[in-house]
Amino acid sequence: MSLIRVVYAHRVDSEELISHEKEVRLHRELCEIMDAYPWGAEMEYFEKYGEGGGFHFLLGDDKVYACYQYVPVDLHSGLLDLDIVLKPGLLNFFGRKAISKHFDIVSVSEVKAKVKELFEHSVESLYKKHNS
């Protein structure tokens, strides 16, 4: 069973963005975090200050990882990106095995469905899946 690190930011008792980090073992736990996120309030703050929260869902460590990044753009959708680094390479360049994929605008339910693969695959199998 994979351990996924969920890093997200939102405001708590002030107008300052606060970063939160949790490790989850189950896809259901990740969905609960997203369901509890204050979507409406954060969209209002984004419109007011031009700064908003978002999510990172990370499988792996700082060198070998698969990471989905979700940035809300409105109440029900946002931008989703996937970065996978299978081999960091020399100077983070030579021999590097990495891919990046942009999914454009997706709904919160689509994000939940896509990030489920972090619980079902290894970084290597995700690299193979998205590199074909």
Protein backbone atom coordinates (compact mmCIF):
# COMPACT_ATOMS: atom_id res chain seq x y z
CA MET A 1 0.00 0.00 0.00
CA SER A 2 1.41 3.37 -1.04
CA LEU A 3 1.88 6.32 1.26
CA ILE A 4 0.85 9.54 -0.49
CA ARG A 5 1.84 12.96 0.79
CA VAL A 6 -0.88 15.58 0.32
CA VAL A 7 0.30 19.19 0.54
CA TYR A 8 -2.29 21.91 0.24
CA ALA A 9 -2.81 25.54 1.22
CA HIS A 10 -5.80 27.52 2.40
CA ARG A 11 -6.59 30.23 4.89
CA VAL A 12 -7.42 29.44 8.52
CA ASP A 13 -8.66 32.22 10.83
CA SER A 14 -6.88 34.94 8.82
CA GLU A 15 -6.23 36.15 5.30
CA GLU A 16 -2.81 34.47 5.14
CA LEU A 17 -2.38 31.23 3.19
CA ILE A 18 -1.33 28.38 5.46
CA SER A 19 0.35 25.26 4.13
CA HIS A 20 -0.92 21.90 5.38
CA GLU A 21 0.65 18.48 4.87
CA LYS A 22 -0.79 15.03 5.53
CA GLU A 23 0.26 11.53 4.64
CA VAL A 24 -2.52 9.18 3.59
CA ARG A 25 -2.64 5.47 2.80
CA LEU A 26 -6.12 5.32 1.30
CA HIS A 27 -7.68 7.09 -1.65
CA ARG A 28 -10.76 7.71 0.50
CA GLU A 29 -8.63 9.77 2.95
CA LEU A 30 -7.36 11.92 0.09
CA CYS A 31 -10.93 12.49 -1.11
CA GLU A 32 -11.97 13.48 2.42
CA ILE A 33 -9.25 16.15 2.46
CA MET A 34 -10.50 17.54 -0.85
CA ASP A 35 -14.13 17.40 0.30
CA ALA A 36 -13.27 19.37 3.47
CA TYR A 37 -11.35 22.04 1.52
CA PRO A 38 -13.04 25.48 1.76
CA TRP A 39 -13.54 25.88 -2.01
CA GLY A 40 -15.96 28.82 -1.88
CA ALA A 41 -13.98 30.88 0.62
CA GLU A 42 -10.72 30.27 -1.22
CA MET A 43 -12.23 31.36 -4.54
CA GLU A 44 -13.40 34.61 -2.89
CA TYR A 45 -9.91 35.24 -1.49
CA PHE A 46 -8.39 34.45 -4.88
CA GLU A 47 -10.62 37.05 -6.56
CA LYS A 48 -9.80 39.58 -3.83
CA TYR A 49 -6.02 39.04 -3.56
CA GLY A 50 -5.05 37.20 -6.75
CA GLU A 51 -3.49 34.48 -4.62
CA GLY A 52 -4.99 31.10 -3.92
CA GLY A 53 -4.38 27.67 -2.57
CA GLY A 54 -3.96 24.37 -4.34
CA PHE A 55 -2.91 20.76 -3.93
CA HIS A 56 0.12 18.56 -4.49
CA PHE A 57 -0.29 14.78 -4.34
CA LEU A 58 3.11 13.10 -4.12
CA LEU A 59 4.15 9.46 -4.41
CA GLY A 60 7.86 8.91 -3.74
CA ASP A 61 10.54 11.18 -2.35
CA ASP A 62 12.41 14.33 -3.40
CA LYS A 63 14.39 12.54 -6.15
CA VAL A 64 12.13 9.82 -7.58
CA TYR A 65 8.46 10.73 -7.57
CA ALA A 66 5.12 11.11 -9.27
CA CYS A 67 3.32 14.32 -8.36
CA TYR A 68 -0.05 15.68 -9.39
CA GLN A 69 -0.53 19.42 -8.91
CA TYR A 70 -4.06 20.81 -8.88
CA VAL A 71 -4.71 24.57 -8.96
CA PRO A 72 -8.36 25.62 -8.67
CA VAL A 73 -9.49 28.28 -11.14
CA ASP A 74 -13.13 28.37 -10.12
CA LEU A 75 -15.45 26.69 -7.64
CA HIS A 76 -15.75 23.41 -9.54
CA SER A 77 -12.64 23.09 -11.71
CA GLY A 78 -8.95 23.79 -12.02
CA LEU A 79 -5.69 23.06 -13.79
CA LEU A 80 -4.10 19.64 -13.34
CA ASP A 81 -0.49 18.72 -14.08
CA LEU A 82 1.50 15.54 -13.57
CA ASP A 83 5.27 15.42 -13.11
CA ILE A 84 7.10 12.11 -12.91
CA VAL A 85 10.84 11.80 -12.26
CA LEU A 86 12.09 8.25 -12.54
CA LYS A 87 15.77 9.18 -12.62
CA PRO A 88 16.99 12.67 -11.63
CA GLY A 89 20.17 12.45 -13.73
CA LEU A 90 23.52 14.17 -13.37
CA LEU A 91 23.07 17.86 -12.49
CA ASN A 92 19.34 17.22 -12.83
CA PHE A 93 19.82 17.04 -16.61
CA PHE A 94 22.17 14.37 -18.07
CA GLY A 95 20.53 10.96 -18.10
CA ARG A 96 17.34 12.34 -16.57
CA LYS A 97 14.18 10.27 -17.04
CA ALA A 98 11.21 12.55 -16.45
CA ILE A 99 7.92 13.49 -18.03
CA SER A 100 5.39 16.24 -17.50
CA LYS A 101 1.79 16.09 -18.60
CA HIS A 102 -0.82 18.86 -18.59
CA PHE A 103 -4.49 17.86 -18.35
CA ASP A 104 -5.94 21.36 -18.81
CA ILE A 105 -9.16 22.23 -16.96
CA VAL A 106 -10.63 19.35 -14.96
CA SER A 107 -13.34 19.01 -12.32
CA VAL A 108 -12.68 18.08 -8.69
CA SER A 109 -14.24 14.65 -9.31
CA GLU A 110 -11.89 14.10 -12.28
CA VAL A 111 -8.91 15.01 -10.07
CA LYS A 112 -10.01 12.45 -7.51
CA ALA A 113 -10.27 9.80 -10.23
CA LYS A 114 -6.86 10.61 -11.75
CA VAL A 115 -4.89 10.74 -8.49
CA LYS A 116 -6.24 7.32 -7.55
CA GLU A 117 -3.50 5.83 -9.72
CA LEU A 118 -0.92 7.02 -7.17
CA PHE A 119 -2.35 4.41 -4.80
CA GLU A 120 -2.40 1.68 -7.44
CA HIS A 121 0.99 2.03 -9.17
CA SER A 122 4.68 2.55 -8.49
CA VAL A 123 6.57 5.58 -9.80
CA GLU A 124 8.18 3.31 -12.43
CA SER A 125 4.86 1.93 -13.68
CA LEU A 126 3.36 5.43 -13.81
CA TYR A 127 6.36 6.58 -15.86
CA LYS A 128 5.82 3.73 -18.32
CA LYS A 129 2.07 4.35 -18.47
CA HIS A 130 2.33 8.09 -19.17
CA ASN A 131 5.41 7.91 -21.39
CA SER A 132 3.75 5.75 -24.05
